[in-house]
Amino acid sequence: MAEAVAWDIVRLAAQGNAAARRDLVGATLDDLWSLAMRLTRRPNEADDVVQETYARVFATLDRLEPTGRFEGYLARIATNLVLERWRRARPTAPVTEALSAEALEPWQTVADAEDDRRRLAAIWAAVGQLEPQPRAAVLLFYAQGESCDGIGRILDVPVGTVKTWLHRSRDQVRQRAGAMLQDDHAPSHAQTGESP
């Protein structure tokens, strides 16, 4: 669909035209569902993301400025929804469950597993501190296995931008997670007997 036609449909849909809303959904549904499926890897979750994306879009159509591609706007909303879901669904299993004997490899000790848990928690916390677009690129690349080209299409940015985000984000996550882990292992004044 040409950009001018898409924005004409968006304007009509924003005015409450039911036929324009159906046309808008019809023109974008397949691509939006494919994106949601690539991000979630689960049909039921993809359906939920698509439904919520359209609900948010229709609630804000009258405030939407006709710049860029409408499909990019949809992709950003869907991606942000999935990111919100990922943040809410982070592994929160109790430490005792994660450290159970059945969860350990034969060569691991409970201390090894606890160190792994601390490292993973520090990495998640550092990823959570990234700006939204680079964070989305990191999660799409590492958590979902998406290619740089695919991430560029999803986030509507050039592939070079995706590669830059990934490179800078790796450095930032490494530094921030390292600092958090160092802070965790620094002995407290009570442990060393020193006064503050």
N, C-alpha and C. Protein backbone atom coordinates (compact mmCIF):
# COMPACT_ATOMS: atom_id res chain seq x y z
N MET A 1 0.85 -1.17 0.00
CA MET A 1 0.00 0.00 0.00
C MET A 1 0.89 1.22 0.00
N ALA A 2 0.59 2.22 -0.83
CA ALA A 2 1.37 3.45 -0.91
C ALA A 2 1.15 4.27 0.35
N GLU A 3 2.18 5.06 0.71
CA GLU A 3 2.10 5.81 1.96
C GLU A 3 0.93 6.78 1.97
N ALA A 4 0.69 7.50 0.87
CA ALA A 4 -0.40 8.48 0.82
C ALA A 4 -1.75 7.80 1.05
N VAL A 5 -1.94 6.64 0.44
CA VAL A 5 -3.19 5.92 0.63
C VAL A 5 -3.34 5.49 2.08
N ALA A 6 -2.25 4.99 2.67
CA ALA A 6 -2.30 4.54 4.06
C ALA A 6 -2.70 5.69 4.98
N TRP A 7 -2.11 6.87 4.80
CA TRP A 7 -2.44 7.99 5.67
C TRP A 7 -3.83 8.52 5.42
N ASP A 8 -4.31 8.40 4.17
CA ASP A 8 -5.70 8.77 3.90
C ASP A 8 -6.65 7.86 4.68
N ILE A 9 -6.35 6.57 4.68
CA ILE A 9 -7.17 5.61 5.43
C ILE A 9 -7.08 5.90 6.93
N VAL A 10 -5.88 6.23 7.39
CA VAL A 10 -5.69 6.53 8.82
C VAL A 10 -6.53 7.75 9.21
N ARG A 11 -6.52 8.77 8.36
CA ARG A 11 -7.32 9.97 8.66
C ARG A 11 -8.81 9.64 8.74
N LEU A 12 -9.29 8.85 7.79
CA LEU A 12 -10.70 8.45 7.81
C LEU A 12 -11.02 7.59 9.05
N ALA A 13 -10.11 6.67 9.37
CA ALA A 13 -10.31 5.82 10.54
C ALA A 13 -10.33 6.66 11.82
N ALA A 14 -9.49 7.70 11.86
CA ALA A 14 -9.44 8.58 13.04
C ALA A 14 -10.76 9.34 13.20
N GLN A 15 -11.46 9.55 12.10
CA GLN A 15 -12.75 10.25 12.15
C GLN A 15 -13.89 9.29 12.51
N GLY A 16 -13.56 8.02 12.75
CA GLY A 16 -14.56 7.05 13.17
C GLY A 16 -15.18 6.25 12.04
N ASN A 17 -14.66 6.36 10.83
CA ASN A 17 -15.18 5.65 9.68
C ASN A 17 -14.89 4.15 9.84
N ALA A 18 -15.94 3.35 10.04
CA ALA A 18 -15.79 1.91 10.30
C ALA A 18 -15.17 1.19 9.11
N ALA A 19 -15.54 1.58 7.88
CA ALA A 19 -14.97 0.94 6.69
C ALA A 19 -13.48 1.22 6.60
N ALA A 20 -13.07 2.43 6.95
CA ALA A 20 -11.65 2.78 6.91
C ALA A 20 -10.88 1.98 7.97
N ARG A 21 -11.50 1.79 9.13
CA ARG A 21 -10.84 0.99 10.17
C ARG A 21 -10.67 -0.46 9.71
N ARG A 22 -11.69 -1.01 9.07
CA ARG A 22 -11.58 -2.37 8.53
C ARG A 22 -10.48 -2.43 7.47
N ASP A 23 -10.43 -1.42 6.58
CA ASP A 23 -9.40 -1.38 5.55
C ASP A 23 -8.00 -1.28 6.16
N LEU A 24 -7.90 -0.48 7.21
CA LEU A 24 -6.61 -0.30 7.89
C LEU A 24 -6.15 -1.62 8.49
N VAL A 25 -7.03 -2.30 9.17
CA VAL A 25 -6.69 -3.61 9.75
C VAL A 25 -6.38 -4.60 8.63
N GLY A 26 -7.21 -4.63 7.60
CA GLY A 26 -6.99 -5.55 6.50
C GLY A 26 -5.65 -5.35 5.81
N ALA A 27 -5.22 -4.08 5.70
CA ALA A 27 -3.96 -3.77 5.02
C ALA A 27 -2.73 -4.08 5.88
N THR A 28 -2.89 -4.15 7.17
CA THR A 28 -1.72 -4.29 8.06
C THR A 28 -1.71 -5.56 8.89
N LEU A 29 -2.81 -6.28 8.95
CA LEU A 29 -2.94 -7.42 9.87
C LEU A 29 -1.88 -8.50 9.65
N ASP A 30 -1.69 -8.92 8.41
CA ASP A 30 -0.75 -10.02 8.16
C ASP A 30 0.67 -9.67 8.60
N ASP A 31 1.13 -8.47 8.24
CA ASP A 31 2.48 -8.06 8.63
C ASP A 31 2.60 -7.89 10.14
N LEU A 32 1.57 -7.32 10.76
CA LEU A 32 1.61 -7.12 12.20
C LEU A 32 1.61 -8.46 12.92
N TRP A 33 0.78 -9.39 12.47
CA TRP A 33 0.75 -10.70 13.12
C TRP A 33 2.09 -11.43 12.92
N SER A 34 2.68 -11.32 11.74
CA SER A 34 3.99 -11.95 11.49
C SER A 34 5.04 -11.39 12.43
N LEU A 35 5.02 -10.08 12.62
CA LEU A 35 5.96 -9.45 13.55
C LEU A 35 5.72 -9.96 14.97
N ALA A 36 4.48 -9.95 15.41
CA ALA A 36 4.16 -10.41 16.77
C ALA A 36 4.56 -11.87 16.95
N MET A 37 4.38 -12.67 15.93
CA MET A 37 4.76 -14.08 16.00
C MET A 37 6.28 -14.23 16.09
N ARG A 38 7.03 -13.42 15.31
CA ARG A 38 8.49 -13.48 15.38
C ARG A 38 8.98 -13.07 16.76
N LEU A 39 8.31 -12.10 17.36
CA LEU A 39 8.74 -11.62 18.67
C LEU A 39 8.36 -12.58 19.80
N THR A 40 7.17 -13.14 19.74
CA THR A 40 6.69 -13.98 20.85
C THR A 40 6.93 -15.46 20.64
N ARG A 41 6.95 -15.89 19.40
CA ARG A 41 7.11 -17.30 19.03
C ARG A 41 5.93 -18.16 19.51
N ARG A 42 4.83 -17.53 19.88
CA ARG A 42 3.64 -18.26 20.35
C ARG A 42 2.40 -17.65 19.71
N PRO A 43 1.61 -18.45 19.00
CA PRO A 43 0.43 -17.90 18.32
C PRO A 43 -0.55 -17.18 19.25
N ASN A 44 -0.83 -17.75 20.42
CA ASN A 44 -1.78 -17.10 21.34
C ASN A 44 -1.27 -15.75 21.81
N GLU A 45 0.03 -15.68 22.14
CA GLU A 45 0.60 -14.40 22.56
C GLU A 45 0.63 -13.42 21.41
N ALA A 46 0.93 -13.91 20.20
CA ALA A 46 0.94 -13.04 19.03
C ALA A 46 -0.46 -12.44 18.81
N ASP A 47 -1.48 -13.26 18.96
CA ASP A 47 -2.86 -12.76 18.83
C ASP A 47 -3.13 -11.66 19.86
N ASP A 48 -2.71 -11.89 21.10
CA ASP A 48 -2.92 -10.88 22.15
C ASP A 48 -2.19 -9.58 21.83
N VAL A 49 -0.95 -9.69 21.35
CA VAL A 49 -0.16 -8.50 21.02
C VAL A 49 -0.83 -7.73 19.88
N VAL A 50 -1.30 -8.44 18.87
CA VAL A 50 -1.97 -7.78 17.74
C VAL A 50 -3.23 -7.07 18.21
N GLN A 51 -4.02 -7.75 19.00
CA GLN A 51 -5.27 -7.15 19.49
C GLN A 51 -4.99 -5.91 20.33
N GLU A 52 -4.02 -6.00 21.22
CA GLU A 52 -3.71 -4.85 22.07
C GLU A 52 -3.08 -3.71 21.26
N THR A 53 -2.29 -4.06 20.24
CA THR A 53 -1.70 -3.04 19.38
C THR A 53 -2.80 -2.24 18.68
N TYR A 54 -3.75 -2.93 18.09
CA TYR A 54 -4.85 -2.22 17.41
C TYR A 54 -5.68 -1.41 18.41
N ALA A 55 -5.89 -1.94 19.61
CA ALA A 55 -6.65 -1.19 20.61
C ALA A 55 -5.93 0.12 20.94
N ARG A 56 -4.61 0.06 21.12
CA ARG A 56 -3.85 1.27 21.42
C ARG A 56 -3.83 2.23 20.23
N VAL A 57 -3.68 1.68 19.04
CA VAL A 57 -3.66 2.52 17.84
C VAL A 57 -4.99 3.25 17.67
N PHE A 58 -6.08 2.54 17.77
CA PHE A 58 -7.39 3.17 17.57
C PHE A 58 -7.70 4.19 18.66
N ALA A 59 -7.13 3.99 19.85
CA ALA A 59 -7.36 4.94 20.93
C ALA A 59 -6.59 6.25 20.71
N THR A 60 -5.54 6.21 19.88
CA THR A 60 -4.70 7.40 19.68
C THR A 60 -4.67 7.90 18.24
N LEU A 61 -5.48 7.35 17.37
CA LEU A 61 -5.43 7.74 15.95
C LEU A 61 -5.63 9.24 15.75
N ASP A 62 -6.49 9.85 16.51
CA ASP A 62 -6.78 11.27 16.29
C ASP A 62 -5.58 12.15 16.65
N ARG A 63 -4.64 11.64 17.43
CA ARG A 63 -3.45 12.42 17.82
C ARG A 63 -2.22 12.06 16.99
N LEU A 64 -2.35 11.09 16.11
CA LEU A 64 -1.22 10.60 15.33
C LEU A 64 -0.85 11.57 14.22
N GLU A 65 0.43 11.93 14.14
CA GLU A 65 0.93 12.79 13.07
C GLU A 65 1.34 11.94 11.88
N PRO A 66 0.96 12.32 10.67
CA PRO A 66 1.28 11.52 9.48
C PRO A 66 2.73 11.69 9.03
N THR A 67 3.66 11.21 9.82
CA THR A 67 5.07 11.23 9.44
C THR A 67 5.57 9.80 9.40
N GLY A 68 6.44 9.52 8.48
CA GLY A 68 6.98 8.17 8.36
C GLY A 68 5.92 7.19 7.86
N ARG A 69 6.20 5.92 8.09
CA ARG A 69 5.29 4.86 7.66
C ARG A 69 4.36 4.47 8.80
N PHE A 70 3.10 4.31 8.51
CA PHE A 70 2.14 3.88 9.52
C PHE A 70 2.50 2.49 10.03
N GLU A 71 3.01 1.65 9.12
CA GLU A 71 3.41 0.29 9.50
C GLU A 71 4.53 0.33 10.54
N GLY A 72 5.44 1.29 10.43
CA GLY A 72 6.50 1.45 11.42
C GLY A 72 5.94 1.82 12.79
N TYR A 73 4.90 2.66 12.77
CA TYR A 73 4.22 3.04 14.02
C TYR A 73 3.61 1.80 14.67
N LEU A 74 2.93 0.98 13.88
CA LEU A 74 2.36 -0.26 14.40
C LEU A 74 3.45 -1.18 14.96
N ALA A 75 4.55 -1.30 14.23
CA ALA A 75 5.64 -2.19 14.66
C ALA A 75 6.23 -1.70 15.98
N ARG A 76 6.38 -0.40 16.14
CA ARG A 76 6.93 0.12 17.40
C ARG A 76 5.99 -0.18 18.56
N ILE A 77 4.70 0.00 18.36
CA ILE A 77 3.75 -0.29 19.44
C ILE A 77 3.80 -1.77 19.80
N ALA A 78 3.76 -2.64 18.79
CA ALA A 78 3.79 -4.09 19.04
C ALA A 78 5.09 -4.48 19.75
N THR A 79 6.21 -3.94 19.31
CA THR A 79 7.50 -4.25 19.93
C THR A 79 7.51 -3.80 21.38
N ASN A 80 7.02 -2.61 21.65
CA ASN A 80 6.97 -2.12 23.03
C ASN A 80 6.07 -2.99 23.91
N LEU A 81 4.96 -3.44 23.34
CA LEU A 81 4.08 -4.34 24.11
C LEU A 81 4.79 -5.64 24.47
N VAL A 82 5.52 -6.18 23.51
CA VAL A 82 6.25 -7.43 23.77
C VAL A 82 7.35 -7.19 24.81
N LEU A 83 8.03 -6.05 24.71
CA LEU A 83 9.06 -5.72 25.70
C LEU A 83 8.45 -5.62 27.10
N GLU A 84 7.29 -5.01 27.20
CA GLU A 84 6.60 -4.93 28.50
C GLU A 84 6.30 -6.34 29.02
N ARG A 85 5.84 -7.21 28.14
CA ARG A 85 5.54 -8.59 28.54
C ARG A 85 6.80 -9.31 29.01
N TRP A 86 7.91 -9.10 28.29
CA TRP A 86 9.16 -9.75 28.67
C TRP A 86 9.61 -9.26 30.04
N ARG A 87 9.49 -7.97 30.28
CA ARG A 87 9.90 -7.43 31.59
C ARG A 87 9.06 -8.05 32.70
N ARG A 88 7.76 -8.17 32.46
CA ARG A 88 6.88 -8.75 33.49
C ARG A 88 7.12 -10.23 33.67
N ALA A 89 7.58 -10.93 32.63
CA ALA A 89 7.71 -12.38 32.67
C ALA A 89 9.14 -12.84 32.95
N ARG A 90 10.00 -11.95 33.38
CA ARG A 90 11.37 -12.37 33.69
C ARG A 90 11.33 -13.52 34.69
N PRO A 91 12.29 -14.42 34.58
CA PRO A 91 12.31 -15.54 35.52
C PRO A 91 12.37 -15.05 36.96
N THR A 92 11.41 -15.50 37.73
CA THR A 92 11.37 -15.09 39.14
C THR A 92 11.27 -16.30 40.05
N ALA A 93 11.79 -17.44 39.58
CA ALA A 93 11.74 -18.65 40.41
C ALA A 93 12.51 -18.42 41.69
N PRO A 94 12.01 -18.93 42.78
CA PRO A 94 12.73 -18.76 44.04
C PRO A 94 14.13 -19.37 43.94
N VAL A 95 15.06 -18.79 44.66
CA VAL A 95 16.44 -19.26 44.63
C VAL A 95 16.52 -20.72 45.01
N THR A 96 15.74 -21.14 45.99
CA THR A 96 15.81 -22.54 46.42
C THR A 96 15.43 -23.48 45.28
N GLU A 97 14.45 -23.08 44.47
CA GLU A 97 14.06 -23.91 43.33
C GLU A 97 15.17 -23.94 42.29
N ALA A 98 15.77 -22.78 42.02
CA ALA A 98 16.83 -22.70 41.03
C ALA A 98 18.07 -23.46 41.47
N LEU A 99 18.25 -23.58 42.78
CA LEU A 99 19.45 -24.22 43.29
C LEU A 99 19.23 -25.66 43.71
N SER A 100 18.09 -26.21 43.38
CA SER A 100 17.83 -27.59 43.79
C SER A 100 18.82 -28.53 43.12
N ALA A 101 19.06 -29.65 43.74
CA ALA A 101 20.04 -30.60 43.23
C ALA A 101 19.71 -31.07 41.82
N GLU A 102 18.42 -31.18 41.49
CA GLU A 102 18.03 -31.64 40.16
C GLU A 102 18.38 -30.61 39.10
N ALA A 103 18.43 -29.32 39.46
CA ALA A 103 18.70 -28.26 38.49
C ALA A 103 20.18 -28.13 38.19
N LEU A 104 21.05 -28.72 39.00
CA LEU A 104 22.49 -28.58 38.83
C LEU A 104 23.04 -29.67 37.94
N GLU A 105 24.04 -29.28 37.15
CA GLU A 105 24.80 -30.26 36.38
C GLU A 105 25.69 -31.00 37.39
N PRO A 106 26.13 -32.21 37.07
CA PRO A 106 26.95 -32.98 38.02
C PRO A 106 28.21 -32.23 38.47
N TRP A 107 28.79 -31.41 37.60
CA TRP A 107 30.03 -30.72 37.93
C TRP A 107 29.80 -29.40 38.67
N GLN A 108 28.55 -28.98 38.80
CA GLN A 108 28.27 -27.71 39.46
C GLN A 108 28.08 -27.88 40.96
N THR A 109 28.38 -26.81 41.66
CA THR A 109 28.07 -26.76 43.08
C THR A 109 26.97 -25.74 43.27
N VAL A 110 26.40 -25.69 44.42
CA VAL A 110 25.37 -24.70 44.72
C VAL A 110 25.95 -23.29 44.58
N ALA A 111 27.20 -23.11 44.97
CA ALA A 111 27.86 -21.80 44.85
C ALA A 111 27.97 -21.39 43.38
N ASP A 112 28.31 -22.36 42.49
CA ASP A 112 28.37 -22.05 41.05
C ASP A 112 27.02 -21.58 40.55
N ALA A 113 25.98 -22.29 40.94
CA ALA A 113 24.63 -21.94 40.48
C ALA A 113 24.22 -20.56 41.01
N GLU A 114 24.59 -20.26 42.25
CA GLU A 114 24.29 -18.94 42.83
C GLU A 114 25.04 -17.84 42.08
N ASP A 115 26.30 -18.10 41.71
CA ASP A 115 27.06 -17.12 40.92
C ASP A 115 26.41 -16.91 39.56
N ASP A 116 25.96 -17.99 38.93
CA ASP A 116 25.27 -17.87 37.65
C ASP A 116 24.00 -17.04 37.79
N ARG A 117 23.25 -17.27 38.86
CA ARG A 117 22.02 -16.53 39.09
C ARG A 117 22.33 -15.04 39.29
N ARG A 118 23.38 -14.74 40.06
CA ARG A 118 23.77 -13.33 40.28
C ARG A 118 24.19 -12.66 38.98
N ARG A 119 24.99 -13.37 38.17
CA ARG A 119 25.43 -12.81 36.89
C ARG A 119 24.23 -12.53 35.98
N LEU A 120 23.32 -13.49 35.91
CA LEU A 120 22.14 -13.32 35.07
C LEU A 120 21.28 -12.15 35.55
N ALA A 121 21.10 -12.04 36.85
CA ALA A 121 20.32 -10.92 37.41
C ALA A 121 20.99 -9.59 37.09
N ALA A 122 22.32 -9.53 37.18
CA ALA A 122 23.04 -8.28 36.87
C ALA A 122 22.91 -7.94 35.40
N ILE A 123 22.98 -8.95 34.55
CA ILE A 123 22.84 -8.70 33.10
C ILE A 123 21.44 -8.18 32.80
N TRP A 124 20.39 -8.81 33.36
CA TRP A 124 19.01 -8.35 33.14
C TRP A 124 18.84 -6.91 33.63
N ALA A 125 19.40 -6.62 34.79
CA ALA A 125 19.28 -5.26 35.34
C ALA A 125 19.99 -4.26 34.42
N ALA A 126 21.16 -4.63 33.90
CA ALA A 126 21.89 -3.74 33.00
C ALA A 126 21.15 -3.56 31.68
N VAL A 127 20.57 -4.62 31.15
CA VAL A 127 19.77 -4.51 29.92
C VAL A 127 18.57 -3.59 30.17
N GLY A 128 17.97 -3.71 31.33
CA GLY A 128 16.83 -2.87 31.68
C GLY A 128 17.16 -1.40 31.76
N GLN A 129 18.44 -1.06 31.93
CA GLN A 129 18.85 0.34 32.01
C GLN A 129 19.14 0.95 30.64
N LEU A 130 19.16 0.13 29.59
CA LEU A 130 19.41 0.66 28.24
C LEU A 130 18.23 1.51 27.78
N GLU A 131 18.49 2.40 26.84
CA GLU A 131 17.42 3.18 26.22
C GLU A 131 16.47 2.22 25.50
N PRO A 132 15.19 2.59 25.31
CA PRO A 132 14.20 1.65 24.75
C PRO A 132 14.57 1.03 23.41
N GLN A 133 15.01 1.80 22.43
CA GLN A 133 15.30 1.23 21.12
C GLN A 133 16.49 0.27 21.17
N PRO A 134 17.64 0.67 21.76
CA PRO A 134 18.73 -0.31 21.86
C PRO A 134 18.35 -1.54 22.68
N ARG A 135 17.54 -1.35 23.73
CA ARG A 135 17.10 -2.49 24.55
C ARG A 135 16.27 -3.45 23.70
N ALA A 136 15.39 -2.89 22.87
CA ALA A 136 14.59 -3.74 21.98
C ALA A 136 15.49 -4.51 21.02
N ALA A 137 16.51 -3.84 20.48
CA ALA A 137 17.44 -4.51 19.57
C ALA A 137 18.17 -5.65 20.28
N VAL A 138 18.62 -5.40 21.50
CA VAL A 138 19.33 -6.43 22.27
C VAL A 138 18.42 -7.62 22.54
N LEU A 139 17.20 -7.35 22.98
CA LEU A 139 16.28 -8.44 23.29
C LEU A 139 15.88 -9.22 22.04
N LEU A 140 15.65 -8.52 20.94
CA LEU A 140 15.31 -9.20 19.69
C LEU A 140 16.46 -10.07 19.21
N PHE A 141 17.69 -9.56 19.34
CA PHE A 141 18.86 -10.29 18.86
C PHE A 141 19.20 -11.48 19.75
N TYR A 142 19.28 -11.25 21.05
CA TYR A 142 19.74 -12.30 21.96
C TYR A 142 18.62 -13.20 22.48
N ALA A 143 17.47 -12.62 22.79
CA ALA A 143 16.39 -13.43 23.36
C ALA A 143 15.55 -14.11 22.28
N GLN A 144 15.43 -13.46 21.11
CA GLN A 144 14.57 -14.01 20.08
C GLN A 144 15.33 -14.53 18.87
N GLY A 145 16.65 -14.29 18.80
CA GLY A 145 17.44 -14.81 17.69
C GLY A 145 17.17 -14.12 16.37
N GLU A 146 16.70 -12.90 16.41
CA GLU A 146 16.39 -12.14 15.19
C GLU A 146 17.68 -11.62 14.57
N SER A 147 17.75 -11.57 13.24
CA SER A 147 18.93 -11.04 12.55
C SER A 147 18.94 -9.52 12.61
N CYS A 148 20.10 -8.93 12.32
CA CYS A 148 20.19 -7.46 12.30
C CYS A 148 19.26 -6.88 11.24
N ASP A 149 19.17 -7.55 10.08
CA ASP A 149 18.24 -7.08 9.04
C ASP A 149 16.81 -7.12 9.54
N GLY A 150 16.45 -8.21 10.19
CA GLY A 150 15.09 -8.35 10.72
C GLY A 150 14.80 -7.30 11.79
N ILE A 151 15.77 -7.03 12.65
CA ILE A 151 15.58 -6.02 13.69
C ILE A 151 15.40 -4.65 13.05
N GLY A 152 16.17 -4.37 12.01
CA GLY A 152 16.03 -3.10 11.31
C GLY A 152 14.64 -2.92 10.75
N ARG A 153 14.10 -3.99 10.17
CA ARG A 153 12.72 -3.92 9.63
C ARG A 153 11.71 -3.74 10.75
N ILE A 154 11.89 -4.47 11.84
CA ILE A 154 10.94 -4.39 12.95
C ILE A 154 10.93 -3.00 13.58
N LEU A 155 12.12 -2.45 13.80
CA LEU A 155 12.22 -1.15 14.48
C LEU A 155 12.24 0.02 13.51
N ASP A 156 12.20 -0.29 12.21
CA ASP A 156 12.16 0.74 11.17
C ASP A 156 13.39 1.64 11.23
N VAL A 157 14.57 1.02 11.32
CA VAL A 157 15.85 1.74 11.33
C VAL A 157 16.83 1.02 10.41
N PRO A 158 17.87 1.73 9.95
CA PRO A 158 18.88 1.07 9.10
C PRO A 158 19.63 -0.03 9.86
N VAL A 159 20.14 -1.00 9.11
CA VAL A 159 20.88 -2.11 9.71
C VAL A 159 22.11 -1.59 10.44
N GLY A 160 22.77 -0.57 9.90
CA GLY A 160 23.94 0.01 10.56
C GLY A 160 23.61 0.53 11.95
N THR A 161 22.43 1.11 12.09
CA THR A 161 22.00 1.61 13.40
C THR A 161 21.82 0.44 14.37
N VAL A 162 21.23 -0.64 13.90
CA VAL A 162 21.05 -1.84 14.74
C VAL A 162 22.40 -2.36 15.21
N LYS A 163 23.36 -2.46 14.29
CA LYS A 163 24.69 -2.97 14.65
C LYS A 163 25.37 -2.05 15.67
N THR A 164 25.22 -0.75 15.47
CA THR A 164 25.80 0.21 16.43
C THR A 164 25.16 0.04 17.79
N TRP A 165 23.83 -0.07 17.84
CA TRP A 165 23.13 -0.26 19.11
C TRP A 165 23.62 -1.52 19.81
N LEU A 166 23.75 -2.62 19.05
CA LEU A 166 24.17 -3.89 19.64
C LEU A 166 25.59 -3.77 20.20
N HIS A 167 26.48 -3.16 19.43
CA HIS A 167 27.87 -3.02 19.88
C HIS A 167 27.96 -2.16 21.14
N ARG A 168 27.32 -1.00 21.11
CA ARG A 168 27.37 -0.11 22.28
C ARG A 168 26.66 -0.73 23.48
N SER A 169 25.55 -1.40 23.22
CA SER A 169 24.79 -2.02 24.31
C SER A 169 25.59 -3.13 24.98
N ARG A 170 26.30 -3.92 24.19
CA ARG A 170 27.14 -4.99 24.79
C ARG A 170 28.16 -4.37 25.75
N ASP A 171 28.81 -3.28 25.30
CA ASP A 171 29.79 -2.62 26.16
C ASP A 171 29.12 -2.08 27.43
N GLN A 172 27.97 -1.42 27.27
CA GLN A 172 27.28 -0.85 28.43
C GLN A 172 26.83 -1.94 29.39
N VAL A 173 26.26 -3.01 28.87
CA VAL A 173 25.79 -4.11 29.73
C VAL A 173 26.98 -4.74 30.45
N ARG A 174 28.07 -4.96 29.74
CA ARG A 174 29.26 -5.55 30.35
C ARG A 174 29.77 -4.67 31.49
N GLN A 175 29.86 -3.36 31.26
CA GLN A 175 30.35 -2.45 32.30
C GLN A 175 29.39 -2.37 33.48
N ARG A 176 28.10 -2.19 33.19
CA ARG A 176 27.12 -2.04 34.28
C ARG A 176 26.97 -3.32 35.09
N ALA A 177 26.88 -4.45 34.39
CA ALA A 177 26.73 -5.73 35.10
C ALA A 177 27.99 -6.01 35.91
N GLY A 178 29.16 -5.71 35.34
CA GLY A 178 30.41 -5.91 36.07
C GLY A 178 30.46 -5.06 37.33
N ALA A 179 30.02 -3.82 37.21
CA ALA A 179 30.01 -2.94 38.39
C ALA A 179 29.04 -3.46 39.45
N MET A 180 27.88 -3.93 39.02
CA MET A 180 26.91 -4.47 39.98
C MET A 180 27.47 -5.70 40.70
N LEU A 181 28.13 -6.57 39.94
CA LEU A 181 28.69 -7.77 40.54
C LEU A 181 29.84 -7.44 41.48
N GLN A 182 30.62 -6.43 41.11
CA GLN A 182 31.71 -6.00 41.97
C GLN A 182 31.16 -5.45 43.28
N ASP A 183 30.08 -4.66 43.17
CA ASP A 183 29.44 -4.12 44.38
C ASP A 183 28.90 -5.24 45.26
N ASP A 184 28.36 -6.30 44.64
CA ASP A 184 27.83 -7.44 45.40
C ASP A 184 28.93 -8.16 46.18
N HIS A 185 30.12 -8.23 45.59
CA HIS A 185 31.21 -8.99 46.20
C HIS A 185 32.10 -8.14 47.10
N ALA A 186 31.89 -6.84 47.11
CA ALA A 186 32.70 -5.98 47.98
C ALA A 186 32.31 -6.26 49.42
N PRO A 187 33.29 -6.52 50.28
CA PRO A 187 32.95 -6.81 51.68
C PRO A 187 32.40 -5.57 52.36
N SER A 188 31.41 -5.77 53.19
CA SER A 188 30.83 -4.66 53.93
C SER A 188 31.75 -4.30 55.08
N HIS A 189 31.55 -3.12 55.65
CA HIS A 189 32.36 -2.69 56.78
C HIS A 189 32.19 -3.63 57.96
N ALA A 190 31.00 -4.17 58.12
CA ALA A 190 30.75 -5.10 59.24
C ALA A 190 31.58 -6.37 59.06
N GLN A 191 31.75 -6.81 57.79
CA GLN A 191 32.50 -8.03 57.53
C GLN A 191 34.00 -7.80 57.75
N THR A 192 34.49 -6.60 57.44
CA THR A 192 35.93 -6.36 57.54
C THR A 192 36.32 -5.82 58.90
N GLY A 193 35.35 -5.36 59.68
CA GLY A 193 35.63 -4.81 60.99
C GLY A 193 36.06 -3.35 60.92
N GLU A 194 36.04 -2.77 59.72
CA GLU A 194 36.43 -1.36 59.56
C GLU A 194 35.26 -0.47 59.91
N SER A 195 35.57 0.75 60.30
CA SER A 195 34.50 1.71 60.52
C SER A 195 34.23 2.45 59.23
N PRO A 196 32.99 2.85 58.99
CA PRO A 196 32.65 3.52 57.73
C PRO A 196 33.32 4.84 57.54
